[in-house]
Amino acid sequence: MGVWFWLEYTNYPNIISTMMQLSDSLVKSLSNEALTCLDTLAAFENPPIPKDGGLPLTKILVQKDISLKLFIMKRYTAIAGIKSVLNNICARVFKDIFTSRARSSNSRPFVVPGFPHSLFGDFVVPHGVEDLDLLDAKIWSNKGPCDDVTEEDKTMFLTFSRGFPVSEEEVRELFITDYGNGSVVEIVMGNYEANNQSMFATMVLNGVAMVDEILQGLRLAKLRANGKDIWVRKYDRRN
């Protein structure tokens, strides 16, 4: 459901309402394609994309070109967006199911199976908030996916080569030149060695979409500043 809601807000409207007219077998087949999208997001190495794009039924459903490449090129935008959908939409739409199951568990803390998730973190079942109608257009009226991303969602980790010191000013100039003023919110240099060379840095960007723009579908990308290599990847606190 998180995948479909995110796609609805990513220029593929009316997925949910269209699926409500389909048979259970077709919905199951579409859900299998959604699982393939999630597997693609989680894959350490990008899987090969079939000639049909890997989402043939979804393509028919949305009546637009769509491929697993979308989930490779927008990996971190999708992860942040689906995480937002899970906690802001799904947790409220399905609150009655979770509440019922929680009551049946003899007041023990209710745990949603599969969470905390390796990609999406905790799933928070809200209390004391209004219910949402799945088909109500106002479901997206206040905010959309990625409007409430955390600072960590927008942070990248940079490493430098020993013997080729890179300054904060060089890092900032590189990204401002390529992505414009305001693209970089903060840079924190770290791990200074005896020769006063920093071996890594964390960099907060102004949006999660820029993380994908920099990486271009890669897990690790190499950039150059004044002839010196800079390796960049998405920051992960767990690592």
C-alpha atoms as a PDB file:
ATOM      1  CA  MET A   1       0.000   0.000   0.000  1.00  0.00           C
ATOM      2  CA  GLY A   2       2.876   2.334   0.770  1.00  0.00           C
ATOM      3  CA  VAL A   3       4.340   1.776  -2.695  1.00  0.00           C
ATOM      4  CA  TRP A   4       1.027   2.493  -4.413  1.00  0.00           C
ATOM      5  CA  PHE A   5       0.292   5.601  -2.364  1.00  0.00           C
ATOM      6  CA  TRP A   6       3.773   6.919  -3.104  1.00  0.00           C
ATOM      7  CA  LEU A   7       3.311   6.260  -6.820  1.00  0.00           C
ATOM      8  CA  GLU A   8      -0.016   8.118  -6.738  1.00  0.00           C
ATOM      9  CA  TYR A   9       1.825  11.162  -5.497  1.00  0.00           C
ATOM     10  CA  THR A  10       4.621  10.667  -8.059  1.00  0.00           C
ATOM     11  CA  ASN A  11       2.603  11.370 -11.192  1.00  0.00           C
ATOM     12  CA  TYR A  12       0.738   8.047 -11.302  1.00  0.00           C
ATOM     13  CA  PRO A  13      -2.741   9.016 -10.017  1.00  0.00           C
ATOM     14  CA  ASN A  14      -5.835   6.923  -9.270  1.00  0.00           C
ATOM     15  CA  ILE A  15      -4.025   3.636  -8.677  1.00  0.00           C
ATOM     16  CA  ILE A  16      -6.018   2.693  -5.566  1.00  0.00           C
ATOM     17  CA  SER A  17      -9.453   3.575  -6.953  1.00  0.00           C
ATOM     18  CA  THR A  18      -8.711   1.707 -10.202  1.00  0.00           C
ATOM     19  CA  MET A  19      -7.536  -1.384  -8.350  1.00  0.00           C
ATOM     20  CA  MET A  20     -10.789  -1.517  -6.380  1.00  0.00           C
ATOM     21  CA  GLN A  21     -12.520  -2.532  -9.615  1.00  0.00           C
ATOM     22  CA  LEU A  22     -10.162  -5.455 -10.247  1.00  0.00           C
ATOM     23  CA  SER A  23     -10.404  -9.121  -9.316  1.00  0.00           C
ATOM     24  CA  ASP A  24      -8.567 -10.490  -6.296  1.00  0.00           C
ATOM     25  CA  SER A  25      -6.211 -12.436  -8.562  1.00  0.00           C
ATOM     26  CA  LEU A  26      -5.174  -9.293 -10.447  1.00  0.00           C
ATOM     27  CA  VAL A  27      -4.671  -7.382  -7.206  1.00  0.00           C
ATOM     28  CA  LYS A  28      -2.474 -10.212  -5.952  1.00  0.00           C
ATOM     29  CA  SER A  29      -0.396 -10.058  -9.139  1.00  0.00           C
ATOM     30  CA  LEU A  30      -0.040  -6.298  -8.769  1.00  0.00           C
ATOM     31  CA  SER A  31       1.005  -6.741  -5.141  1.00  0.00           C
ATOM     32  CA  ASN A  32       3.731  -9.122  -6.298  1.00  0.00           C
ATOM     33  CA  GLU A  33       5.043  -6.384  -8.580  1.00  0.00           C
ATOM     34  CA  ALA A  34       4.960  -3.955  -5.639  1.00  0.00           C
ATOM     35  CA  LEU A  35       7.062  -6.445  -3.665  1.00  0.00           C
ATOM     36  CA  THR A  36       9.532  -6.486  -6.557  1.00  0.00           C
ATOM     37  CA  CYS A  37       9.762  -2.695  -6.233  1.00  0.00           C
ATOM     38  CA  LEU A  38      10.579  -3.067  -2.531  1.00  0.00           C
ATOM     39  CA  ASP A  39      13.171  -5.753  -3.280  1.00  0.00           C
ATOM     40  CA  THR A  40      14.761  -3.379  -5.795  1.00  0.00           C
ATOM     41  CA  LEU A  41      14.974  -0.612  -3.192  1.00  0.00           C
ATOM     42  CA  ALA A  42      16.608  -2.984  -0.711  1.00  0.00           C
ATOM     43  CA  ALA A  43      19.060  -4.633  -3.133  1.00  0.00           C
ATOM     44  CA  PHE A  44      22.725  -3.919  -2.413  1.00  0.00           C
ATOM     45  CA  GLU A  45      23.481  -4.098  -6.132  1.00  0.00           C
ATOM     46  CA  ASN A  46      21.042  -2.897  -8.770  1.00  0.00           C
ATOM     47  CA  PRO A  47      19.272  -5.903 -10.301  1.00  0.00           C
ATOM     48  CA  PRO A  48      19.015  -6.250 -14.093  1.00  0.00           C
ATOM     49  CA  ILE A  49      15.853  -4.690 -15.450  1.00  0.00           C
ATOM     50  CA  PRO A  50      13.795  -6.953 -17.761  1.00  0.00           C
ATOM     51  CA  LYS A  51      12.980  -5.710 -21.250  1.00  0.00           C
ATOM     52  CA  ASP A  52       9.396  -5.053 -20.201  1.00  0.00           C
ATOM     53  CA  GLY A  53      10.605  -2.885 -17.315  1.00  0.00           C
ATOM     54  CA  GLY A  54       9.700  -5.495 -14.704  1.00  0.00           C
ATOM     55  CA  LEU A  55       6.257  -4.002 -13.975  1.00  0.00           C
ATOM     56  CA  PRO A  56       4.043  -5.024 -16.919  1.00  0.00           C
ATOM     57  CA  LEU A  57       0.743  -5.153 -15.003  1.00  0.00           C
ATOM     58  CA  THR A  58       1.444  -1.910 -13.164  1.00  0.00           C
ATOM     59  CA  LYS A  59       2.197  -0.275 -16.517  1.00  0.00           C
ATOM     60  CA  ILE A  60      -1.222  -1.334 -17.804  1.00  0.00           C
ATOM     61  CA  LEU A  61      -2.846  -0.153 -14.580  1.00  0.00           C
ATOM     62  CA  VAL A  62      -1.362   3.354 -14.670  1.00  0.00           C
ATOM     63  CA  GLN A  63      -1.506   3.597 -18.489  1.00  0.00           C
ATOM     64  CA  LYS A  64       1.932   5.193 -18.441  1.00  0.00           C
ATOM     65  CA  ASP A  65       5.462   4.021 -18.940  1.00  0.00           C
ATOM     66  CA  ILE A  66       6.847   2.766 -15.639  1.00  0.00           C
ATOM     67  CA  SER A  67       9.845   0.597 -14.883  1.00  0.00           C
ATOM     68  CA  LEU A  68      11.903  -0.697 -11.986  1.00  0.00           C
ATOM     69  CA  LYS A  69      14.435   1.912 -13.090  1.00  0.00           C
ATOM     70  CA  LEU A  70      12.246   4.487 -11.306  1.00  0.00           C
ATOM     71  CA  PHE A  71      12.988   2.757  -8.002  1.00  0.00           C
ATOM     72  CA  ILE A  72      16.706   2.621  -8.768  1.00  0.00           C
ATOM     73  CA  MET A  73      17.073   6.246  -9.843  1.00  0.00           C
ATOM     74  CA  LYS A  74      14.817   7.561  -7.051  1.00  0.00           C
ATOM     75  CA  ARG A  75      15.793   5.011  -4.396  1.00  0.00           C
ATOM     76  CA  TYR A  76      16.125   7.351  -1.426  1.00  0.00           C
ATOM     77  CA  THR A  77      13.233   9.591  -2.453  1.00  0.00           C
ATOM     78  CA  ALA A  78      11.065   6.464  -2.626  1.00  0.00           C
ATOM     79  CA  ILE A  79      12.293   5.121   0.720  1.00  0.00           C
ATOM     80  CA  ALA A  80      11.636   8.431   2.480  1.00  0.00           C
ATOM     81  CA  GLY A  81       8.275   8.825   0.722  1.00  0.00           C
ATOM     82  CA  ILE A  82       7.044   5.315   1.503  1.00  0.00           C
ATOM     83  CA  LYS A  83       8.175   5.708   5.113  1.00  0.00           C
ATOM     84  CA  SER A  84       6.139   8.916   5.315  1.00  0.00           C
ATOM     85  CA  VAL A  85       3.106   7.207   3.757  1.00  0.00           C
ATOM     86  CA  LEU A  86       3.315   4.293   6.192  1.00  0.00           C
ATOM     87  CA  ASN A  87       3.243   6.520   9.258  1.00  0.00           C
ATOM     88  CA  ASN A  88       1.019   9.363   8.062  1.00  0.00           C
ATOM     89  CA  ILE A  89      -1.483   7.494   5.899  1.00  0.00           C
ATOM     90  CA  CYS A  90      -1.419   3.705   6.311  1.00  0.00           C
ATOM     91  CA  ALA A  91      -1.176   3.767  10.102  1.00  0.00           C
ATOM     92  CA  ARG A  92      -4.325   5.927  10.198  1.00  0.00           C
ATOM     93  CA  VAL A  93      -6.299   4.251   7.413  1.00  0.00           C
ATOM     94  CA  PHE A  94      -5.779   0.819   8.989  1.00  0.00           C
ATOM     95  CA  LYS A  95      -5.890   2.007  12.590  1.00  0.00           C
ATOM     96  CA  ASP A  96      -9.009  -0.050  13.320  1.00  0.00           C
ATOM     97  CA  ILE A  97      -7.203  -3.264  12.332  1.00  0.00           C
ATOM     98  CA  PHE A  98      -4.180  -2.492  14.482  1.00  0.00           C
ATOM     99  CA  THR A  99      -6.308  -1.333  17.409  1.00  0.00           C
ATOM    100  CA  SER A 100      -8.369  -4.527  17.283  1.00  0.00           C
ATOM    101  CA  ARG A 101      -5.264  -6.700  17.201  1.00  0.00           C
ATOM    102  CA  ALA A 102      -3.698  -4.706  20.007  1.00  0.00           C
ATOM    103  CA  ARG A 103      -6.770  -5.280  22.223  1.00  0.00           C
ATOM    104  CA  SER A 104      -6.655  -8.993  21.506  1.00  0.00           C
ATOM    105  CA  SER A 105      -3.041  -9.168  22.676  1.00  0.00           C
ATOM    106  CA  ASN A 106      -4.020  -8.804  26.359  1.00  0.00           C
ATOM    107  CA  SER A 107      -2.749  -5.216  26.564  1.00  0.00           C
ATOM    108  CA  ARG A 108       0.802  -6.225  25.698  1.00  0.00           C
ATOM    109  CA  PRO A 109       2.742  -3.731  23.538  1.00  0.00           C
ATOM    110  CA  PHE A 110       1.482  -4.137  19.982  1.00  0.00           C
ATOM    111  CA  VAL A 111       4.171  -4.871  17.425  1.00  0.00           C
ATOM    112  CA  VAL A 112       3.501  -4.659  13.684  1.00  0.00           C
ATOM    113  CA  PRO A 113       5.067  -7.738  12.048  1.00  0.00           C
ATOM    114  CA  GLY A 114       8.132  -6.875   9.990  1.00  0.00           C
ATOM    115  CA  PHE A 115       8.944  -3.674  11.886  1.00  0.00           C
ATOM    116  CA  PRO A 116      11.301  -2.032  12.656  1.00  0.00           C
ATOM    117  CA  HIS A 117      11.996  -2.437   8.956  1.00  0.00           C
ATOM    118  CA  SER A 118      15.492  -2.337   7.472  1.00  0.00           C
ATOM    119  CA  LEU A 119      14.454   0.425   5.048  1.00  0.00           C
ATOM    120  CA  PHE A 120      11.541   2.188   6.700  1.00  0.00           C
ATOM    121  CA  GLY A 121      12.306   1.985  10.404  1.00  0.00           C
ATOM    122  CA  ASP A 122       9.500   1.803  12.970  1.00  0.00           C
ATOM    123  CA  PHE A 123       5.817   1.715  12.099  1.00  0.00           C
ATOM    124  CA  VAL A 124       3.969   3.994  14.508  1.00  0.00           C
ATOM    125  CA  VAL A 125       0.318   3.213  15.254  1.00  0.00           C
ATOM    126  CA  PRO A 126      -1.157   6.609  16.212  1.00  0.00           C
ATOM    127  CA  HIS A 127      -3.482   7.314  19.102  1.00  0.00           C
ATOM    128  CA  GLY A 128      -5.974  10.133  19.412  1.00  0.00           C
ATOM    129  CA  VAL A 129      -5.907  11.213  15.740  1.00  0.00           C
ATOM    130  CA  GLU A 130      -8.756  11.422  13.262  1.00  0.00           C
ATOM    131  CA  ASP A 131      -9.454   8.534  10.926  1.00  0.00           C
ATOM    132  CA  LEU A 132      -8.864   8.893   7.195  1.00  0.00           C
ATOM    133  CA  ASP A 133     -11.131   7.790   4.372  1.00  0.00           C
ATOM    134  CA  LEU A 134      -9.048   5.838   1.864  1.00  0.00           C
ATOM    135  CA  LEU A 135     -10.823   7.481  -1.084  1.00  0.00           C
ATOM    136  CA  ASP A 136     -11.057  10.990   0.349  1.00  0.00           C
ATOM    137  CA  ALA A 137      -9.190  13.437  -1.903  1.00  0.00           C
ATOM    138  CA  LYS A 138      -8.257  15.422   1.214  1.00  0.00           C
ATOM    139  CA  ILE A 139      -5.957  12.570   2.238  1.00  0.00           C
ATOM    140  CA  TRP A 140      -3.163  14.487   0.491  1.00  0.00           C
ATOM    141  CA  SER A 141      -4.408  18.020   1.192  1.00  0.00           C
ATOM    142  CA  ASN A 142      -1.978  18.960   3.941  1.00  0.00           C
ATOM    143  CA  LYS A 143       1.278  17.312   2.924  1.00  0.00           C
ATOM    144  CA  GLY A 144       2.738  14.759   0.610  1.00  0.00           C
ATOM    145  CA  PRO A 145       5.427  12.130   0.932  1.00  0.00           C
ATOM    146  CA  CYS A 146       8.853  13.601   1.703  1.00  0.00           C
ATOM    147  CA  ASP A 147       7.405  16.790   3.207  1.00  0.00           C
ATOM    148  CA  ASP A 148       8.378  15.541   6.653  1.00  0.00           C
ATOM    149  CA  VAL A 149      11.699  13.833   5.977  1.00  0.00           C
ATOM    150  CA  THR A 150      14.266  13.812   8.753  1.00  0.00           C
ATOM    151  CA  GLU A 151      17.673  15.430   8.561  1.00  0.00           C
ATOM    152  CA  GLU A 152      19.189  11.956   8.325  1.00  0.00           C
ATOM    153  CA  ASP A 153      17.110  11.277   5.193  1.00  0.00           C
ATOM    154  CA  LYS A 154      18.879  14.227   3.523  1.00  0.00           C
ATOM    155  CA  THR A 155      22.403  13.462   4.746  1.00  0.00           C
ATOM    156  CA  MET A 156      25.286  12.052   2.718  1.00  0.00           C
ATOM    157  CA  PHE A 157      28.579  10.545   3.870  1.00  0.00           C
ATOM    158  CA  LEU A 158      31.768  11.631   2.085  1.00  0.00           C
ATOM    159  CA  THR A 159      35.218  10.047   2.258  1.00  0.00           C
ATOM    160  CA  PHE A 160      38.525  11.368   0.954  1.00  0.00           C
ATOM    161  CA  SER A 161      41.818   9.794  -0.147  1.00  0.00           C
ATOM    162  CA  ARG A 162      44.742   9.888   2.241  1.00  0.00           C
ATOM    163  CA  GLY A 163      47.441  12.270   1.007  1.00  0.00           C
ATOM    164  CA  PHE A 164      44.963  14.389  -0.963  1.00  0.00           C
ATOM    165  CA  PRO A 165      43.409  16.709   1.630  1.00  0.00           C
ATOM    166  CA  VAL A 166      40.036  18.205   0.797  1.00  0.00           C
ATOM    167  CA  SER A 167      38.757  21.282   2.630  1.00  0.00           C
ATOM    168  CA  GLU A 168      35.205  22.107   3.610  1.00  0.00           C
ATOM    169  CA  GLU A 169      35.311  25.028   1.184  1.00  0.00           C
ATOM    170  CA  GLU A 170      36.222  22.704  -1.695  1.00  0.00           C
ATOM    171  CA  VAL A 171      33.361  20.351  -0.837  1.00  0.00           C
ATOM    172  CA  ARG A 172      30.862  23.184  -0.584  1.00  0.00           C
ATOM    173  CA  GLU A 173      32.044  24.772  -3.832  1.00  0.00           C
ATOM    174  CA  LEU A 174      31.783  21.447  -5.678  1.00  0.00           C
ATOM    175  CA  PHE A 175      28.142  20.860  -4.775  1.00  0.00           C
ATOM    176  CA  ILE A 176      27.043  24.486  -5.030  1.00  0.00           C
ATOM    177  CA  THR A 177      28.599  24.700  -8.503  1.00  0.00           C
ATOM    178  CA  ASP A 178      26.868  21.525  -9.673  1.00  0.00           C
ATOM    179  CA  TYR A 179      23.543  21.839  -7.833  1.00  0.00           C
ATOM    180  CA  GLY A 180      23.097  25.525  -7.049  1.00  0.00           C
ATOM    181  CA  ASN A 181      23.091  27.856  -4.069  1.00  0.00           C
ATOM    182  CA  GLY A 182      21.096  26.506  -1.167  1.00  0.00           C
ATOM    183  CA  SER A 183      21.741  22.888  -2.127  1.00  0.00           C
ATOM    184  CA  VAL A 184      24.030  22.363   0.879  1.00  0.00           C
ATOM    185  CA  VAL A 185      22.638  23.034   4.355  1.00  0.00           C
ATOM    186  CA  GLU A 186      25.589  21.910   6.472  1.00  0.00           C
ATOM    187  CA  ILE A 187      28.954  20.184   6.148  1.00  0.00           C
ATOM    188  CA  VAL A 188      30.717  18.639   9.136  1.00  0.00           C
ATOM    189  CA  MET A 189      34.316  17.555   8.560  1.00  0.00           C
ATOM    190  CA  GLY A 190      35.605  14.758  10.760  1.00  0.00           C
ATOM    191  CA  ASN A 191      38.490  12.508  11.760  1.00  0.00           C
ATOM    192  CA  TYR A 192      41.387  14.947  11.383  1.00  0.00           C
ATOM    193  CA  GLU A 193      44.719  13.126  11.274  1.00  0.00           C
ATOM    194  CA  ALA A 194      48.103  14.312  12.486  1.00  0.00           C
ATOM    195  CA  ASN A 195      48.685  16.038   9.140  1.00  0.00           C
ATOM    196  CA  ASN A 196      45.454  17.955   9.645  1.00  0.00           C
ATOM    197  CA  GLN A 197      43.707  16.052   6.869  1.00  0.00           C
ATOM    198  CA  SER A 198      40.051  15.160   7.337  1.00  0.00           C
ATOM    199  CA  MET A 199      39.249  11.693   6.051  1.00  0.00           C
ATOM    200  CA  PHE A 200      35.466  11.999   5.949  1.00  0.00           C
ATOM    201  CA  ALA A 201      32.550  14.412   6.246  1.00  0.00           C
ATOM    202  CA  THR A 202      28.795  14.407   6.593  1.00  0.00           C
ATOM    203  CA  MET A 203      26.751  16.736   4.417  1.00  0.00           C
ATOM    204  CA  VAL A 204      23.121  17.730   4.892  1.00  0.00           C
ATOM    205  CA  LEU A 205      21.313  18.671   1.672  1.00  0.00           C
ATOM    206  CA  ASN A 206      18.165  20.716   1.215  1.00  0.00           C
ATOM    207  CA  GLY A 207      16.098  17.704   0.114  1.00  0.00           C
ATOM    208  CA  VAL A 208      16.185  13.940  -0.229  1.00  0.00           C
ATOM    209  CA  ALA A 209      15.638  14.184  -3.995  1.00  0.00           C
ATOM    210  CA  MET A 210      19.094  15.734  -4.310  1.00  0.00           C
ATOM    211  CA  VAL A 211      20.625  12.594  -2.774  1.00  0.00           C
ATOM    212  CA  ASP A 212      19.269  10.621  -5.728  1.00  0.00           C
ATOM    213  CA  GLU A 213      20.333  13.320  -8.174  1.00  0.00           C
ATOM    214  CA  ILE A 214      23.919  13.070  -6.928  1.00  0.00           C
ATOM    215  CA  LEU A 215      24.087   9.274  -6.821  1.00  0.00           C
ATOM    216  CA  GLN A 216      22.273   8.650 -10.131  1.00  0.00           C
ATOM    217  CA  GLY A 217      21.115   5.208  -9.062  1.00  0.00           C
ATOM    218  CA  LEU A 218      24.445   4.177  -7.536  1.00  0.00           C
ATOM    219  CA  ARG A 219      25.110   3.192  -3.937  1.00  0.00           C
ATOM    220  CA  LEU A 220      28.556   4.820  -4.089  1.00  0.00           C
ATOM    221  CA  ALA A 221      29.587   7.571  -6.487  1.00  0.00           C
ATOM    222  CA  LYS A 222      32.975   9.156  -7.166  1.00  0.00           C
ATOM    223  CA  LEU A 223      33.238  12.900  -7.696  1.00  0.00           C
ATOM    224  CA  ARG A 224      36.274  15.122  -8.126  1.00  0.00           C
ATOM    225  CA  ALA A 225      37.143  18.470  -6.591  1.00  0.00           C
ATOM    226  CA  ASN A 226      40.244  20.224  -7.880  1.00  0.00           C
ATOM    227  CA  GLY A 227      41.598  16.910  -9.130  1.00  0.00           C
ATOM    228  CA  LYS A 228      40.956  15.083  -5.830  1.00  0.00           C
ATOM    229  CA  ASP A 229      38.579  12.148  -5.441  1.00  0.00           C
ATOM    230  CA  ILE A 230      35.505  12.416  -3.211  1.00  0.00           C
ATOM    231  CA  TRP A 231      33.446   9.279  -2.585  1.00  0.00           C
ATOM    232  CA  VAL A 232      29.820   9.887  -1.653  1.00  0.00           C
ATOM    233  CA  ARG A 233      27.020   7.642  -0.446  1.00  0.00           C
ATOM    234  CA  LYS A 234      23.823   7.956   1.526  1.00  0.00           C
ATOM    235  CA  TYR A 235      24.471   8.429   5.226  1.00  0.00           C
ATOM    236  CA  ASP A 236      23.292   5.544   7.389  1.00  0.00           C
ATOM    237  CA  ARG A 237      23.550   5.993  11.151  1.00  0.00           C
ATOM    238  CA  ARG A 238      23.615   2.216  11.652  1.00  0.00           C
ATOM    239  CA  ASN A 239      26.864   1.992   9.696  1.00  0.00           C
END
